[in-house]
């Protein structure tokens, strides 16, 4: 891993409904249902979890256990191939604005990373659609045979734990928050208020109603990656 010395600037990006205009987990599981790798009855239960997430009452461990646990019958290599197929199918939906935003930060020498509650093996191919290959995500547990158990290693990369995951990412690069001169975080969700509040430049992207309210109250910029212009 690259070690970063001295002052640095970082740009962090949420995934679902921020850099990509859809839910990556939903896209992946719909693909699995379509190819017969998941039963069609999986979808209504998954959608219940999504509604709980939007309402702010989701248990992320329970959701991860349900989603990833359902995949445990399949070899990780097969799952990796299927998620790449799903990402390729959804690639046309990722906007030029999202890709340009990431590319602009890269061109300015900023260290860029995806920061998402999505399980790593799903997040990586979808993050790559927007040009991000450095991924901070929820880490799925593997059993002794190398299959996913549905459990999470450590804490989910969610709510207040996102900042801790970023801290760990910095540490692996020989840095701390004190080494960060300027930091951006782009997100659509009020779940991300802890990390948005921790960076120097929080940006609400196509925000949910609560994040829009908070952004306006705190004077944070509000932008859209679904359209070519930003709004205040």
Protein backbone atom coordinates (compact mmCIF):
# COMPACT_ATOMS: atom_id res chain seq x y z
CA UNK A 1 0.00 0.00 0.00
CA UNK A 2 1.13 3.52 -0.75
CA UNK A 3 2.32 5.51 2.27
CA UNK A 4 1.37 9.18 2.20
CA UNK A 5 3.68 11.64 3.93
CA UNK A 6 2.93 15.25 4.86
CA UNK A 7 -0.26 17.23 4.42
CA UNK A 8 -2.85 15.72 2.11
CA UNK A 9 -6.24 16.42 0.58
CA UNK A 10 -8.85 13.70 0.29
CA UNK A 11 -12.12 13.35 -1.59
CA UNK A 12 -14.59 10.75 -0.35
CA UNK A 13 -17.72 9.61 -2.18
CA UNK A 14 -20.81 7.67 -1.14
CA UNK A 15 -22.00 5.14 -3.74
CA UNK A 16 -25.73 4.43 -3.97
CA UNK A 17 -27.86 7.38 -5.16
CA UNK A 18 -24.76 9.58 -5.04
CA UNK A 19 -22.18 8.51 -7.61
CA UNK A 20 -24.61 6.03 -9.14
CA UNK A 21 -28.32 6.84 -9.53
CA UNK A 22 -29.52 3.48 -8.19
CA UNK A 23 -28.97 0.96 -5.41
CA UNK A 24 -26.01 -1.30 -6.24
CA UNK A 25 -27.23 -4.12 -3.99
CA UNK A 26 -30.64 -4.03 -5.63
CA UNK A 27 -29.12 -4.08 -9.12
CA UNK A 28 -26.96 -7.06 -8.19
CA UNK A 29 -29.70 -9.09 -6.53
CA UNK A 30 -32.12 -8.42 -9.41
CA UNK A 31 -29.45 -9.77 -11.74
CA UNK A 32 -29.12 -12.89 -9.59
CA UNK A 33 -32.88 -13.43 -9.60
CA UNK A 34 -32.90 -13.01 -13.39
CA UNK A 35 -30.24 -15.70 -13.89
CA UNK A 36 -31.83 -18.05 -11.34
CA UNK A 37 -29.12 -17.75 -8.68
CA UNK A 38 -31.62 -16.28 -6.19
CA UNK A 39 -35.26 -17.17 -5.67
CA UNK A 40 -37.76 -14.53 -6.81
CA UNK A 41 -39.11 -14.41 -3.25
CA UNK A 42 -35.88 -12.71 -2.19
CA UNK A 43 -36.85 -9.38 -3.79
CA UNK A 44 -39.84 -8.39 -1.59
CA UNK A 45 -37.84 -8.99 1.59
CA UNK A 46 -34.90 -7.01 0.23
CA UNK A 47 -37.24 -4.14 -0.60
CA UNK A 48 -38.51 -4.20 3.01
CA UNK A 49 -34.94 -3.67 4.20
CA UNK A 50 -34.55 -0.80 1.74
CA UNK A 51 -37.68 0.87 3.12
CA UNK A 52 -36.35 0.44 6.66
CA UNK A 53 -33.08 2.00 5.55
CA UNK A 54 -34.87 5.01 4.07
CA UNK A 55 -36.92 5.38 7.26
CA UNK A 56 -33.78 5.35 9.41
CA UNK A 57 -34.57 2.19 11.36
CA UNK A 58 -32.56 -0.47 9.53
CA UNK A 59 -30.38 -2.94 11.42
CA UNK A 60 -27.38 -3.07 9.07
CA UNK A 61 -26.10 -6.37 10.47
CA UNK A 62 -29.49 -8.00 9.98
CA UNK A 63 -29.72 -6.65 6.44
CA UNK A 64 -26.20 -7.83 5.60
CA UNK A 65 -26.92 -11.23 7.14
CA UNK A 66 -30.04 -11.60 5.01
CA UNK A 67 -28.53 -10.38 1.72
CA UNK A 68 -25.04 -11.86 1.86
CA UNK A 69 -26.15 -14.94 3.78
CA UNK A 70 -28.50 -15.78 0.92
CA UNK A 71 -25.48 -15.86 -1.38
CA UNK A 72 -23.49 -18.31 0.75
CA UNK A 73 -24.51 -21.26 -1.43
CA UNK A 74 -22.44 -19.84 -4.28
CA UNK A 75 -18.68 -19.74 -4.68
CA UNK A 76 -17.16 -16.25 -4.16
CA UNK A 77 -15.56 -16.45 -7.63
CA UNK A 78 -18.98 -16.99 -9.20
CA UNK A 79 -20.46 -14.13 -7.20
CA UNK A 80 -17.61 -11.86 -8.28
CA UNK A 81 -18.27 -12.69 -11.92
CA UNK A 82 -22.00 -12.06 -11.54
CA UNK A 83 -21.54 -8.72 -9.81
CA UNK A 84 -19.21 -7.61 -12.62
CA UNK A 85 -21.92 -8.60 -15.11
CA UNK A 86 -24.50 -6.57 -13.17
CA UNK A 87 -22.19 -3.55 -13.01
CA UNK A 88 -21.54 -3.68 -16.76
CA UNK A 89 -25.27 -3.83 -17.42
CA UNK A 90 -25.88 -0.74 -15.25
CA UNK A 91 -22.89 1.25 -16.53
CA UNK A 92 -24.92 3.35 -19.01
CA UNK A 93 -26.92 4.79 -16.09
CA UNK A 94 -23.85 6.39 -14.47
CA UNK A 95 -23.77 10.02 -15.50
CA UNK A 96 -20.89 11.90 -17.08
CA UNK A 97 -21.27 14.39 -14.23
CA UNK A 98 -20.39 11.70 -11.66
CA UNK A 99 -17.36 10.53 -13.60
CA UNK A 100 -16.23 14.12 -14.18
CA UNK A 101 -16.50 14.94 -10.47
CA UNK A 102 -14.18 12.07 -9.55
CA UNK A 103 -11.80 12.85 -12.42
CA UNK A 104 -11.61 16.51 -11.37
CA UNK A 105 -10.56 15.60 -7.84
CA UNK A 106 -8.00 13.16 -9.20
CA UNK A 107 -6.59 15.81 -11.54
CA UNK A 108 -6.12 18.13 -8.56
CA UNK A 109 -4.00 15.51 -6.82
CA UNK A 110 -6.58 14.59 -4.20
CA UNK A 111 -6.55 11.08 -2.72
CA UNK A 112 -9.96 9.66 -3.67
CA UNK A 113 -11.96 6.81 -2.16
CA UNK A 114 -15.43 5.32 -2.17
CA UNK A 115 -16.97 5.13 1.32
CA UNK A 116 -20.07 2.94 1.39
CA UNK A 117 -22.14 0.71 3.65
CA UNK A 118 -22.40 -1.77 0.78
CA UNK A 119 -20.48 -5.03 1.15
CA UNK A 120 -17.02 -4.76 -0.41
CA UNK A 121 -17.43 -7.42 -3.08
CA UNK A 122 -20.48 -5.57 -4.46
CA UNK A 123 -19.09 -2.05 -3.96
CA UNK A 124 -15.82 -2.50 -5.84
CA UNK A 125 -17.21 -3.18 -9.36
CA UNK A 126 -19.90 -0.51 -9.01
CA UNK A 127 -17.43 2.07 -7.65
CA UNK A 128 -15.21 1.40 -10.65
CA UNK A 129 -18.04 2.64 -12.90
CA UNK A 130 -17.37 6.15 -11.57
CA UNK A 131 -13.60 5.78 -11.66
CA UNK A 132 -12.92 4.76 -8.06
CA UNK A 133 -10.81 1.72 -7.27
CA UNK A 134 -9.96 2.63 -3.66
CA UNK A 135 -12.90 1.33 -1.65
CA UNK A 136 -13.81 1.70 2.04
CA UNK A 137 -16.76 -0.62 2.61
CA UNK A 138 -18.48 -3.07 4.92
CA UNK A 139 -16.21 -6.12 5.15
CA UNK A 140 -17.98 -9.49 4.73
CA UNK A 141 -16.84 -12.44 6.81
CA UNK A 142 -15.61 -15.63 5.12
CA UNK A 143 -15.81 -19.10 6.60
CA UNK A 144 -13.04 -21.70 6.57
CA UNK A 145 -13.99 -22.74 3.03
CA UNK A 146 -13.78 -19.18 1.73
CA UNK A 147 -17.56 -18.65 1.47
CA UNK A 148 -19.46 -15.64 2.77
CA UNK A 149 -21.21 -16.25 6.07
CA UNK A 150 -23.45 -13.17 6.05
CA UNK A 151 -21.68 -11.76 9.12
CA UNK A 152 -19.60 -8.57 9.14
CA UNK A 153 -15.95 -8.23 10.13
CA UNK A 154 -15.74 -5.40 12.66
CA UNK A 155 -18.32 -2.63 12.36
CA UNK A 156 -20.43 -1.95 9.26
CA UNK A 157 -19.25 1.05 7.23
CA UNK A 158 -22.42 2.90 8.19
CA UNK A 159 -23.46 6.05 10.06
CA UNK A 160 -20.92 6.97 12.76
CA UNK A 161 -18.70 4.04 11.80
CA UNK A 162 -17.92 5.52 8.39
CA UNK A 163 -15.55 7.99 10.03
CA UNK A 164 -13.82 5.15 11.90
CA UNK A 165 -13.41 3.23 8.64
CA UNK A 166 -11.89 6.30 7.01
CA UNK A 167 -9.56 6.60 10.00
CA UNK A 168 -8.43 3.02 9.42
CA UNK A 169 -7.94 3.70 5.71
CA UNK A 170 -5.74 6.69 6.55
CA UNK A 171 -3.76 4.66 9.08
CA UNK A 172 -3.03 1.98 6.49
CA UNK A 173 -1.45 4.75 4.43
CA UNK A 174 0.64 6.05 7.28
CA UNK A 175 -1.59 9.06 7.95
CA UNK A 176 -4.16 10.37 10.46
CA UNK A 177 -6.95 12.96 10.32
CA UNK A 178 -4.34 15.49 11.51
CA UNK A 179 -2.45 14.96 8.24
CA UNK A 180 -5.51 15.91 6.19
CA UNK A 181 -5.42 19.56 5.19
CA UNK A 182 -8.72 19.53 3.33
CA UNK A 183 -11.39 16.88 2.87
CA UNK A 184 -14.54 16.50 0.79
CA UNK A 185 -17.36 14.04 1.26
CA UNK A 186 -20.24 13.69 -1.19
CA UNK A 187 -23.42 11.92 -0.06
CA UNK A 188 -27.17 11.77 -0.62
CA UNK A 189 -28.11 10.41 2.81
CA UNK A 190 -28.76 11.78 6.28
CA UNK A 191 -27.23 8.53 7.55
CA UNK A 192 -23.92 10.08 6.54
CA UNK A 193 -24.21 13.18 8.72
CA UNK A 194 -21.41 12.00 11.08
CA UNK A 195 -18.84 11.84 8.27
CA UNK A 196 -20.25 14.90 6.49
CA UNK A 197 -19.80 16.81 9.75
CA UNK A 198 -16.19 15.60 10.08
CA UNK A 199 -14.85 16.84 6.74
CA UNK A 200 -13.92 20.40 5.80
CA UNK A 201 -16.11 20.38 2.66
CA UNK A 202 -19.35 18.41 3.03
CA UNK A 203 -21.52 18.27 -0.10
CA UNK A 204 -25.11 17.02 -0.28
CA UNK A 205 -25.75 15.25 -3.59
CA UNK A 206 -29.36 14.80 -4.71
CA UNK A 207 -30.09 14.61 -0.96
CA UNK A 208 -32.90 12.88 0.87
CA UNK A 209 -35.32 15.30 2.63
CA UNK A 210 -33.53 15.25 6.00
CA UNK A 211 -30.10 15.80 4.51
CA UNK A 212 -31.45 18.62 2.36
CA UNK A 213 -32.89 20.26 5.47
CA UNK A 214 -29.62 19.84 7.37
CA UNK A 215 -27.53 21.10 4.45
CA UNK A 216 -29.61 24.24 4.12
CA UNK A 217 -29.47 24.88 7.86
CA UNK A 218 -25.69 24.44 7.95
CA UNK A 219 -24.93 26.26 4.72
CA UNK A 220 -23.55 23.21 2.94
CA UNK A 221 -23.59 23.14 -0.86
CA UNK A 222 -26.26 21.02 -2.51
CA UNK A 223 -25.58 19.61 -5.95
CA UNK A 224 -26.99 17.13 -8.43
CA UNK A 225 -25.13 14.50 -10.38
CA UNK A 226 -28.33 13.66 -12.24
CA UNK A 227 -28.25 17.03 -14.02
CA UNK A 228 -25.49 19.26 -15.40
CA UNK A 229 -25.96 22.10 -12.91
CA UNK A 230 -25.82 22.55 -9.13
CA UNK A 231 -28.38 24.23 -6.88
CA UNK A 232 -28.14 26.03 -3.56
